[in-house]
Amino acid sequence: MSLNCYKCSKPLSETFKVMVGRRDTCPSCMADIRCCKMCQFYDPKAYNECRESSADRVQDKEKANFCDYFKIGSPGSNPDQARQDALAKAAALFKK
């Protein structure tokens, strides 16, 4: 799965999957990478727009922050959706 910037949607370097510094930015549009909108837990429909219930509230979701729960992920990446897709494929496989 490729990692793309939330703002310009351009691909980001594979090195960001290993480590993201607080001051790292997208080389194309200079958007902050260590921000809520680049986190796997970001969900606009969730309380405080975060699926991690223990995380502190962050006002500006596009600015770099110090959240301890940050995990890099492309915008729209949803582990729950991947699980649902896998279950649907399994159900289709065993359907009579």
PDB file of N, CA and C in Angstrom:
ATOM      1  N   MET A   1       0.848  -1.175   0.000  1.00  0.00           N
ATOM      2  CA  MET A   1       0.000   0.000   0.000  1.00  0.00           C
ATOM      3  C   MET A   1       0.892   1.237   0.000  1.00  0.00           C
ATOM      4  N   SER A   2       0.601   2.173  -0.878  1.00  0.00           N
ATOM      5  CA  SER A   2       1.420   3.382  -0.956  1.00  0.00           C
ATOM      6  C   SER A   2       0.952   4.409   0.066  1.00  0.00           C
ATOM      7  N   LEU A   3       1.855   5.261   0.423  1.00  0.00           N
ATOM      8  CA  LEU A   3       1.585   6.317   1.390  1.00  0.00           C
ATOM      9  C   LEU A   3       1.534   7.636   0.639  1.00  0.00           C
ATOM     10  N   ASN A   4       0.395   8.318   0.709  1.00  0.00           N
ATOM     11  CA  ASN A   4       0.200   9.572  -0.002  1.00  0.00           C
ATOM     12  C   ASN A   4      -0.095  10.712   0.964  1.00  0.00           C
ATOM     13  N   CYS A   5       0.281  11.912   0.571  1.00  0.00           N
ATOM     14  CA  CYS A   5       0.021  13.115   1.363  1.00  0.00           C
ATOM     15  C   CYS A   5      -1.484  13.376   1.422  1.00  0.00           C
ATOM     16  N   TYR A   6      -1.982  13.774   2.585  1.00  0.00           N
ATOM     17  CA  TYR A   6      -3.403  14.064   2.738  1.00  0.00           C
ATOM     18  C   TYR A   6      -3.809  15.303   1.952  1.00  0.00           C
ATOM     19  N   LYS A   7      -2.891  16.228   1.724  1.00  0.00           N
ATOM     20  CA  LYS A   7      -3.224  17.506   1.107  1.00  0.00           C
ATOM     21  C   LYS A   7      -3.126  17.474  -0.417  1.00  0.00           C
ATOM     22  N   CYS A   8      -2.001  16.986  -0.950  1.00  0.00           N
ATOM     23  CA  CYS A   8      -1.801  17.011  -2.405  1.00  0.00           C
ATOM     24  C   CYS A   8      -1.942  15.628  -3.044  1.00  0.00           C
ATOM     25  N   SER A   9      -2.066  14.594  -2.237  1.00  0.00           N
ATOM     26  CA  SER A   9      -2.228  13.207  -2.686  1.00  0.00           C
ATOM     27  C   SER A   9      -1.027  12.647  -3.452  1.00  0.00           C
ATOM     28  N   LYS A  10       0.103  13.316  -3.393  1.00  0.00           N
ATOM     29  CA  LYS A  10       1.304  12.806  -4.058  1.00  0.00           C
ATOM     30  C   LYS A  10       1.946  11.738  -3.168  1.00  0.00           C
ATOM     31  N   PRO A  11       2.598  10.742  -3.784  1.00  0.00           N
ATOM     32  CA  PRO A  11       3.247   9.684  -3.000  1.00  0.00           C
ATOM     33  C   PRO A  11       4.374  10.230  -2.136  1.00  0.00           C
ATOM     34  N   LEU A  12       4.494   9.660  -0.940  1.00  0.00           N
ATOM     35  CA  LEU A  12       5.557  10.028  -0.014  1.00  0.00           C
ATOM     36  C   LEU A  12       6.612   8.924   0.006  1.00  0.00           C
ATOM     37  N   SER A  13       7.776   9.267   0.434  1.00  0.00           N
ATOM     38  CA  SER A  13       8.901   8.334   0.509  1.00  0.00           C
ATOM     39  C   SER A  13       8.573   7.168   1.444  1.00  0.00           C
ATOM     40  N   GLU A  14       9.101   6.011   1.111  1.00  0.00           N
ATOM     41  CA  GLU A  14       8.905   4.816   1.941  1.00  0.00           C
ATOM     42  C   GLU A  14       9.538   4.972   3.325  1.00  0.00           C
ATOM     43  N   THR A  15      10.497   5.892   3.463  1.00  0.00           N
ATOM     44  CA  THR A  15      11.154   6.085   4.759  1.00  0.00           C
ATOM     45  C   THR A  15      10.184   6.599   5.807  1.00  0.00           C
ATOM     46  N   PHE A  16       9.114   7.282   5.378  1.00  0.00           N
ATOM     47  CA  PHE A  16       8.134   7.795   6.337  1.00  0.00           C
ATOM     48  C   PHE A  16       7.343   6.662   6.994  1.00  0.00           C
ATOM     49  N   LYS A  17       7.308   5.491   6.367  1.00  0.00           N
ATOM     50  CA  LYS A  17       6.614   4.358   6.978  1.00  0.00           C
ATOM     51  C   LYS A  17       7.374   3.843   8.190  1.00  0.00           C
ATOM     52  N   VAL A  18       8.692   4.096   8.230  1.00  0.00           N
ATOM     53  CA  VAL A  18       9.531   3.628   9.330  1.00  0.00           C
ATOM     54  C   VAL A  18       9.567   4.653  10.454  1.00  0.00           C
ATOM     55  N   MET A  19       9.797   5.914  10.108  1.00  0.00           N
ATOM     56  CA  MET A  19       9.931   6.952  11.133  1.00  0.00           C
ATOM     57  C   MET A  19       9.474   8.310  10.576  1.00  0.00           C
ATOM     58  N   VAL A  20       8.663   9.000  11.365  1.00  0.00           N
ATOM     59  CA  VAL A  20       8.193  10.325  10.987  1.00  0.00           C
ATOM     60  C   VAL A  20       8.575  11.297  12.092  1.00  0.00           C
ATOM     61  N   GLY A  21       9.364  12.290  11.755  1.00  0.00           N
ATOM     62  CA  GLY A  21       9.727  13.326  12.715  1.00  0.00           C
ATOM     63  C   GLY A  21       8.658  14.400  12.784  1.00  0.00           C
ATOM     64  N   ARG A  22       8.617  15.124  13.883  1.00  0.00           N
ATOM     65  CA  ARG A  22       7.589  16.149  14.068  1.00  0.00           C
ATOM     66  C   ARG A  22       7.691  17.259  13.025  1.00  0.00           C
ATOM     67  N   ARG A  23       8.866  17.527  12.523  1.00  0.00           N
ATOM     68  CA  ARG A  23       9.050  18.612  11.558  1.00  0.00           C
ATOM     69  C   ARG A  23       9.071  18.150  10.103  1.00  0.00           C
ATOM     70  N   ASP A  24       8.823  16.875   9.848  1.00  0.00           N
ATOM     71  CA  ASP A  24       8.816  16.365   8.477  1.00  0.00           C
ATOM     72  C   ASP A  24       7.631  16.933   7.698  1.00  0.00           C
ATOM     73  N   THR A  25       7.899  17.264   6.442  1.00  0.00           N
ATOM     74  CA  THR A  25       6.849  17.824   5.588  1.00  0.00           C
ATOM     75  C   THR A  25       6.834  17.110   4.241  1.00  0.00           C
ATOM     76  N   CYS A  26       5.749  17.243   3.543  1.00  0.00           N
ATOM     77  CA  CYS A  26       5.614  16.694   2.194  1.00  0.00           C
ATOM     78  C   CYS A  26       6.527  17.489   1.270  1.00  0.00           C
ATOM     79  N   PRO A  27       7.365  16.831   0.480  1.00  0.00           N
ATOM     80  CA  PRO A  27       8.271  17.556  -0.415  1.00  0.00           C
ATOM     81  C   PRO A  27       7.539  18.315  -1.518  1.00  0.00           C
ATOM     82  N   SER A  28       6.311  17.931  -1.822  1.00  0.00           N
ATOM     83  CA  SER A  28       5.563  18.589  -2.902  1.00  0.00           C
ATOM     84  C   SER A  28       4.814  19.842  -2.449  1.00  0.00           C
ATOM     85  N   CYS A  29       4.087  19.730  -1.324  1.00  0.00           N
ATOM     86  CA  CYS A  29       3.239  20.856  -0.904  1.00  0.00           C
ATOM     87  C   CYS A  29       3.631  21.447   0.448  1.00  0.00           C
ATOM     88  N   MET A  30       4.645  20.864   1.102  1.00  0.00           N
ATOM     89  CA  MET A  30       5.152  21.334   2.396  1.00  0.00           C
ATOM     90  C   MET A  30       4.158  21.189   3.552  1.00  0.00           C
ATOM     91  N   ALA A  31       3.161  20.324   3.401  1.00  0.00           N
ATOM     92  CA  ALA A  31       2.213  20.060   4.493  1.00  0.00           C
ATOM     93  C   ALA A  31       2.897  19.205   5.552  1.00  0.00           C
ATOM     94  N   ASP A  32       2.540  19.426   6.825  1.00  0.00           N
ATOM     95  CA  ASP A  32       3.084  18.617   7.920  1.00  0.00           C
ATOM     96  C   ASP A  32       2.658  17.163   7.736  1.00  0.00           C
ATOM     97  N   ILE A  33       3.578  16.248   7.996  1.00  0.00           N
ATOM     98  CA  ILE A  33       3.261  14.823   7.854  1.00  0.00           C
ATOM     99  C   ILE A  33       2.826  14.216   9.188  1.00  0.00           C
ATOM    100  N   ARG A  34       3.458  14.635  10.286  1.00  0.00           N
ATOM    101  CA  ARG A  34       3.067  14.094  11.592  1.00  0.00           C
ATOM    102  C   ARG A  34       1.899  14.917  12.140  1.00  0.00           C
ATOM    103  N   CYS A  35       0.749  14.716  11.516  1.00  0.00           N
ATOM    104  CA  CYS A  35      -0.469  15.422  11.926  1.00  0.00           C
ATOM    105  C   CYS A  35      -1.626  14.432  11.943  1.00  0.00           C
ATOM    106  N   CYS A  36      -2.724  14.837  12.506  1.00  0.00           N
ATOM    107  CA  CYS A  36      -3.876  13.945  12.648  1.00  0.00           C
ATOM    108  C   CYS A  36      -4.350  13.387  11.309  1.00  0.00           C
ATOM    109  N   LYS A  37      -4.351  14.212  10.284  1.00  0.00           N
ATOM    110  CA  LYS A  37      -4.878  13.763   8.998  1.00  0.00           C
ATOM    111  C   LYS A  37      -4.005  12.715   8.314  1.00  0.00           C
ATOM    112  N   MET A  38      -2.798  12.485   8.824  1.00  0.00           N
ATOM    113  CA  MET A  38      -1.927  11.437   8.288  1.00  0.00           C
ATOM    114  C   MET A  38      -1.845  10.240   9.225  1.00  0.00           C
ATOM    115  N   CYS A  39      -2.704  10.189  10.215  1.00  0.00           N
ATOM    116  CA  CYS A  39      -2.684   9.128  11.211  1.00  0.00           C
ATOM    117  C   CYS A  39      -3.728   8.058  10.894  1.00  0.00           C
ATOM    118  N   GLN A  40      -3.404   6.805  11.219  1.00  0.00           N
ATOM    119  CA  GLN A  40      -4.343   5.701  11.018  1.00  0.00           C
ATOM    120  C   GLN A  40      -5.599   5.864  11.864  1.00  0.00           C
ATOM    121  N   PHE A  41      -5.508   6.569  12.982  1.00  0.00           N
ATOM    122  CA  PHE A  41      -6.651   6.718  13.883  1.00  0.00           C
ATOM    123  C   PHE A  41      -7.568   7.880  13.500  1.00  0.00           C
ATOM    124  N   TYR A  42      -7.160   8.707  12.536  1.00  0.00           N
ATOM    125  CA  TYR A  42      -7.982   9.859  12.143  1.00  0.00           C
ATOM    126  C   TYR A  42      -9.278   9.373  11.504  1.00  0.00           C
ATOM    127  N   ASP A  43     -10.392   9.880  12.017  1.00  0.00           N
ATOM    128  CA  ASP A  43     -11.709   9.537  11.485  1.00  0.00           C
ATOM    129  C   ASP A  43     -12.632  10.720  11.732  1.00  0.00           C
ATOM    130  N   PRO A  44     -13.020  11.447  10.685  1.00  0.00           N
ATOM    131  CA  PRO A  44     -13.863  12.631  10.864  1.00  0.00           C
ATOM    132  C   PRO A  44     -15.206  12.332  11.533  1.00  0.00           C
ATOM    133  N   LYS A  45     -15.625  11.060  11.512  1.00  0.00           N
ATOM    134  CA  LYS A  45     -16.916  10.697  12.108  1.00  0.00           C
ATOM    135  C   LYS A  45     -16.814  10.329  13.584  1.00  0.00           C
ATOM    136  N   ALA A  46     -15.605  10.150  14.081  1.00  0.00           N
ATOM    137  CA  ALA A  46     -15.400   9.738  15.476  1.00  0.00           C
ATOM    138  C   ALA A  46     -15.355  10.951  16.411  1.00  0.00           C
ATOM    139  N   TYR A  47     -15.534  10.687  17.691  1.00  0.00           N
ATOM    140  CA  TYR A  47     -15.429  11.734  18.709  1.00  0.00           C
ATOM    141  C   TYR A  47     -14.026  12.344  18.654  1.00  0.00           C
ATOM    142  N   ASN A  48     -13.931  13.657  18.616  1.00  0.00           N
ATOM    143  CA  ASN A  48     -12.667  14.383  18.468  1.00  0.00           C
ATOM    144  C   ASN A  48     -11.930  14.005  17.179  1.00  0.00           C
ATOM    145  N   GLU A  49     -12.647  13.385  16.247  1.00  0.00           N
ATOM    146  CA  GLU A  49     -12.097  12.966  14.957  1.00  0.00           C
ATOM    147  C   GLU A  49     -10.942  11.980  15.112  1.00  0.00           C
ATOM    148  N   CYS A  50     -11.004  11.159  16.172  1.00  0.00           N
ATOM    149  CA  CYS A  50      -9.933  10.196  16.443  1.00  0.00           C
ATOM    150  C   CYS A  50     -10.541   8.915  16.999  1.00  0.00           C
ATOM    151  N   ARG A  51     -10.140   7.762  16.438  1.00  0.00           N
ATOM    152  CA  ARG A  51     -10.635   6.467  16.927  1.00  0.00           C
ATOM    153  C   ARG A  51      -9.881   5.997  18.163  1.00  0.00           C
ATOM    154  N   GLU A  52      -8.772   6.651  18.514  1.00  0.00           N
ATOM    155  CA  GLU A  52      -8.027   6.302  19.725  1.00  0.00           C
ATOM    156  C   GLU A  52      -8.660   7.054  20.892  1.00  0.00           C
ATOM    157  N   SER A  53      -9.346   6.347  21.758  1.00  0.00           N
ATOM    158  CA  SER A  53     -10.113   6.994  22.830  1.00  0.00           C
ATOM    159  C   SER A  53      -9.242   7.650  23.901  1.00  0.00           C
ATOM    160  N   SER A  54      -7.997   7.231  24.041  1.00  0.00           N
ATOM    161  CA  SER A  54      -7.129   7.789  25.072  1.00  0.00           C
ATOM    162  C   SER A  54      -6.336   9.010  24.607  1.00  0.00           C
ATOM    163  N   ALA A  55      -6.388   9.331  23.338  1.00  0.00           N
ATOM    164  CA  ALA A  55      -5.598  10.448  22.791  1.00  0.00           C
ATOM    165  C   ALA A  55      -6.160  11.789  23.257  1.00  0.00           C
ATOM    166  N   ASP A  56      -5.258  12.742  23.495  1.00  0.00           N
ATOM    167  CA  ASP A  56      -5.674  14.095  23.844  1.00  0.00           C
ATOM    168  C   ASP A  56      -6.286  14.764  22.620  1.00  0.00           C
ATOM    169  N   ARG A  57      -7.173  15.716  22.856  1.00  0.00           N
ATOM    170  CA  ARG A  57      -7.816  16.439  21.756  1.00  0.00           C
ATOM    171  C   ARG A  57      -6.805  17.363  21.077  1.00  0.00           C
ATOM    172  N   VAL A  58      -6.822  17.360  19.759  1.00  0.00           N
ATOM    173  CA  VAL A  58      -5.966  18.241  18.969  1.00  0.00           C
ATOM    174  C   VAL A  58      -6.880  19.146  18.151  1.00  0.00           C
ATOM    175  N   GLN A  59      -6.711  20.448  18.300  1.00  0.00           N
ATOM    176  CA  GLN A  59      -7.567  21.406  17.606  1.00  0.00           C
ATOM    177  C   GLN A  59      -7.345  21.396  16.099  1.00  0.00           C
ATOM    178  N   ASP A  60      -6.114  21.639  15.678  1.00  0.00           N
ATOM    179  CA  ASP A  60      -5.801  21.755  14.258  1.00  0.00           C
ATOM    180  C   ASP A  60      -5.281  20.422  13.743  1.00  0.00           C
ATOM    181  N   LYS A  61      -6.096  19.716  13.000  1.00  0.00           N
ATOM    182  CA  LYS A  61      -5.766  18.366  12.528  1.00  0.00           C
ATOM    183  C   LYS A  61      -4.716  18.361  11.417  1.00  0.00           C
ATOM    184  N   GLU A  62      -4.389  19.536  10.862  1.00  0.00           N
ATOM    185  CA  GLU A  62      -3.421  19.614   9.764  1.00  0.00           C
ATOM    186  C   GLU A  62      -2.045  20.096  10.207  1.00  0.00           C
ATOM    187  N   LYS A  63      -1.878  20.418  11.468  1.00  0.00           N
ATOM    188  CA  LYS A  63      -0.586  20.892  11.996  1.00  0.00           C
ATOM    189  C   LYS A  63       0.113  19.773  12.760  1.00  0.00           C
ATOM    190  N   ALA A  64       1.435  19.812  12.746  1.00  0.00           N
ATOM    191  CA  ALA A  64       2.234  18.816  13.475  1.00  0.00           C
ATOM    192  C   ALA A  64       1.898  18.867  14.965  1.00  0.00           C
ATOM    193  N   ASN A  65       1.902  17.701  15.613  1.00  0.00           N
ATOM    194  CA  ASN A  65       1.590  17.646  17.042  1.00  0.00           C
ATOM    195  C   ASN A  65       2.431  16.564  17.722  1.00  0.00           C
ATOM    196  N   PHE A  66       2.265  16.427  19.025  1.00  0.00           N
ATOM    197  CA  PHE A  66       3.052  15.490  19.825  1.00  0.00           C
ATOM    198  C   PHE A  66       2.246  14.281  20.284  1.00  0.00           C
ATOM    199  N   CYS A  67       1.214  13.919  19.579  1.00  0.00           N
ATOM    200  CA  CYS A  67       0.354  12.805  19.994  1.00  0.00           C
ATOM    201  C   CYS A  67       1.172  11.521  20.128  1.00  0.00           C
ATOM    202  N   ASP A  68       1.035  10.860  21.281  1.00  0.00           N
ATOM    203  CA  ASP A  68       1.763   9.615  21.543  1.00  0.00           C
ATOM    204  C   ASP A  68       1.188   8.429  20.764  1.00  0.00           C
ATOM    205  N   TYR A  69      -0.025   8.551  20.249  1.00  0.00           N
ATOM    206  CA  TYR A  69      -0.689   7.446  19.570  1.00  0.00           C
ATOM    207  C   TYR A  69      -0.555   7.515  18.052  1.00  0.00           C
ATOM    208  N   PHE A  70       0.184   8.478  17.541  1.00  0.00           N
ATOM    209  CA  PHE A  70       0.316   8.668  16.098  1.00  0.00           C
ATOM    210  C   PHE A  70       0.892   7.426  15.420  1.00  0.00           C
ATOM    211  N   LYS A  71       0.203   6.970  14.365  1.00  0.00           N
ATOM    212  CA  LYS A  71       0.683   5.884  13.505  1.00  0.00           C
ATOM    213  C   LYS A  71       0.423   6.326  12.077  1.00  0.00           C
ATOM    214  N   ILE A  72       1.475   6.384  11.284  1.00  0.00           N
ATOM    215  CA  ILE A  72       1.363   6.874   9.922  1.00  0.00           C
ATOM    216  C   ILE A  72       0.403   6.005   9.109  1.00  0.00           C
ATOM    217  N   GLY A  73      -0.419   6.657   8.325  1.00  0.00           N
ATOM    218  CA  GLY A  73      -1.355   5.966   7.443  1.00  0.00           C
ATOM    219  C   GLY A  73      -1.912   6.948   6.428  1.00  0.00           C
ATOM    220  N   SER A  74      -2.221   6.479   5.259  1.00  0.00           N
ATOM    221  CA  SER A  74      -2.776   7.354   4.229  1.00  0.00           C
ATOM    222  C   SER A  74      -4.173   7.808   4.628  1.00  0.00           C
ATOM    223  N   PRO A  75      -4.565   8.986   4.188  1.00  0.00           N
ATOM    224  CA  PRO A  75      -5.920   9.443   4.445  1.00  0.00           C
ATOM    225  C   PRO A  75      -6.925   8.445   3.894  1.00  0.00           C
ATOM    226  N   GLY A  76      -7.939   8.179   4.652  1.00  0.00           N
ATOM    227  CA  GLY A  76      -8.948   7.230   4.217  1.00  0.00           C
ATOM    228  C   GLY A  76      -8.597   5.787   4.518  1.00  0.00           C
ATOM    229  N   SER A  77      -7.394   5.528   5.022  1.00  0.00           N
ATOM    230  CA  SER A  77      -7.060   4.147   5.365  1.00  0.00           C
ATOM    231  C   SER A  77      -7.858   3.779   6.602  1.00  0.00           C
ATOM    232  N   ASN A  78      -8.535   2.681   6.533  1.00  0.00           N
ATOM    233  CA  ASN A  78      -9.420   2.283   7.618  1.00  0.00           C
ATOM    234  C   ASN A  78      -9.247   0.787   7.875  1.00  0.00           C
ATOM    235  N   PRO A  79      -8.586   0.421   8.986  1.00  0.00           N
ATOM    236  CA  PRO A  79      -8.385  -0.994   9.281  1.00  0.00           C
ATOM    237  C   PRO A  79      -9.694  -1.754   9.421  1.00  0.00           C
ATOM    238  N   ASP A  80     -10.749  -1.088   9.905  1.00  0.00           N
ATOM    239  CA  ASP A  80     -12.048  -1.737  10.052  1.00  0.00           C
ATOM    240  C   ASP A  80     -12.629  -2.097   8.690  1.00  0.00           C
ATOM    241  N   GLN A  81     -12.429  -1.230   7.712  1.00  0.00           N
ATOM    242  CA  GLN A  81     -12.926  -1.486   6.360  1.00  0.00           C
ATOM    243  C   GLN A  81     -12.202  -2.683   5.748  1.00  0.00           C
ATOM    244  N   ALA A  82     -10.904  -2.779   5.970  1.00  0.00           N
ATOM    245  CA  ALA A  82     -10.135  -3.907   5.456  1.00  0.00           C
ATOM    246  C   ALA A  82     -10.652  -5.216   6.053  1.00  0.00           C
ATOM    247  N   ARG A  83     -10.989  -5.193   7.316  1.00  0.00           N
ATOM    248  CA  ARG A  83     -11.530  -6.389   7.985  1.00  0.00           C
ATOM    249  C   ARG A  83     -12.877  -6.769   7.385  1.00  0.00           C
ATOM    250  N   GLN A  84     -13.730  -5.766   7.165  1.00  0.00           N
ATOM    251  CA  GLN A  84     -15.043  -6.028   6.580  1.00  0.00           C
ATOM    252  C   GLN A  84     -14.916  -6.583   5.164  1.00  0.00           C
ATOM    253  N   ASP A  85     -13.971  -6.053   4.391  1.00  0.00           N
ATOM    254  CA  ASP A  85     -13.739  -6.550   3.039  1.00  0.00           C
ATOM    255  C   ASP A  85     -13.298  -8.009   3.056  1.00  0.00           C
ATOM    256  N   ALA A  86     -12.406  -8.358   3.990  1.00  0.00           N
ATOM    257  CA  ALA A  86     -11.923  -9.733   4.101  1.00  0.00           C
ATOM    258  C   ALA A  86     -13.059 -10.675   4.489  1.00  0.00           C
ATOM    259  N   LEU A  87     -13.924 -10.247   5.406  1.00  0.00           N
ATOM    260  CA  LEU A  87     -15.060 -11.082   5.812  1.00  0.00           C
ATOM    261  C   LEU A  87     -16.042 -11.278   4.656  1.00  0.00           C
ATOM    262  N   ALA A  88     -16.247 -10.223   3.872  1.00  0.00           N
ATOM    263  CA  ALA A  88     -17.154 -10.331   2.723  1.00  0.00           C
ATOM    264  C   ALA A  88     -16.599 -11.296   1.682  1.00  0.00           C
ATOM    265  N   LYS A  89     -15.297 -11.266   1.450  1.00  0.00           N
ATOM    266  CA  LYS A  89     -14.672 -12.187   0.498  1.00  0.00           C
ATOM    267  C   LYS A  89     -14.774 -13.626   0.997  1.00  0.00           C
ATOM    268  N   ALA A  90     -14.580 -13.830   2.292  1.00  0.00           N
ATOM    269  CA  ALA A  90     -14.681 -15.167   2.859  1.00  0.00           C
ATOM    270  C   ALA A  90     -16.109 -15.691   2.757  1.00  0.00           C
ATOM    271  N   ALA A  91     -17.079 -14.828   3.014  1.00  0.00           N
ATOM    272  CA  ALA A  91     -18.475 -15.227   2.914  1.00  0.00           C
ATOM    273  C   ALA A  91     -18.832 -15.589   1.477  1.00  0.00           C
ATOM    274  N   ALA A  92     -18.329 -14.828   0.517  1.00  0.00           N
ATOM    275  CA  ALA A  92     -18.586 -15.117  -0.892  1.00  0.00           C
ATOM    276  C   ALA A  92     -17.948 -16.434  -1.311  1.00  0.00           C
ATOM    277  N   LEU A  93     -16.813 -16.753  -0.742  1.00  0.00           N
ATOM    278  CA  LEU A  93     -16.110 -17.985  -1.071  1.00  0.00           C
ATOM    279  C   LEU A  93     -16.903 -19.211  -0.649  1.00  0.00           C
ATOM    280  N   PHE A  94     -17.546 -19.159   0.516  1.00  0.00           N
ATOM    281  CA  PHE A  94     -18.274 -20.299   1.036  1.00  0.00           C
ATOM    282  C   PHE A  94     -19.770 -20.233   0.775  1.00  0.00           C
ATOM    283  N   LYS A  95     -20.195 -19.300  -0.043  1.00  0.00           N
ATOM    284  CA  LYS A  95     -21.613 -19.136  -0.364  1.00  0.00           C
ATOM    285  C   LYS A  95     -22.051 -20.271  -1.295  1.00  0.00           C
ATOM    286  N   LYS A  96     -23.224 -20.821  -1.041  1.00  0.00           N
ATOM    287  CA  LYS A  96     -23.740 -21.925  -1.879  1.00  0.00           C
ATOM    288  C   LYS A  96     -24.507 -21.398  -3.050  1.00  0.00           C
TER     289      LYS A  96
END
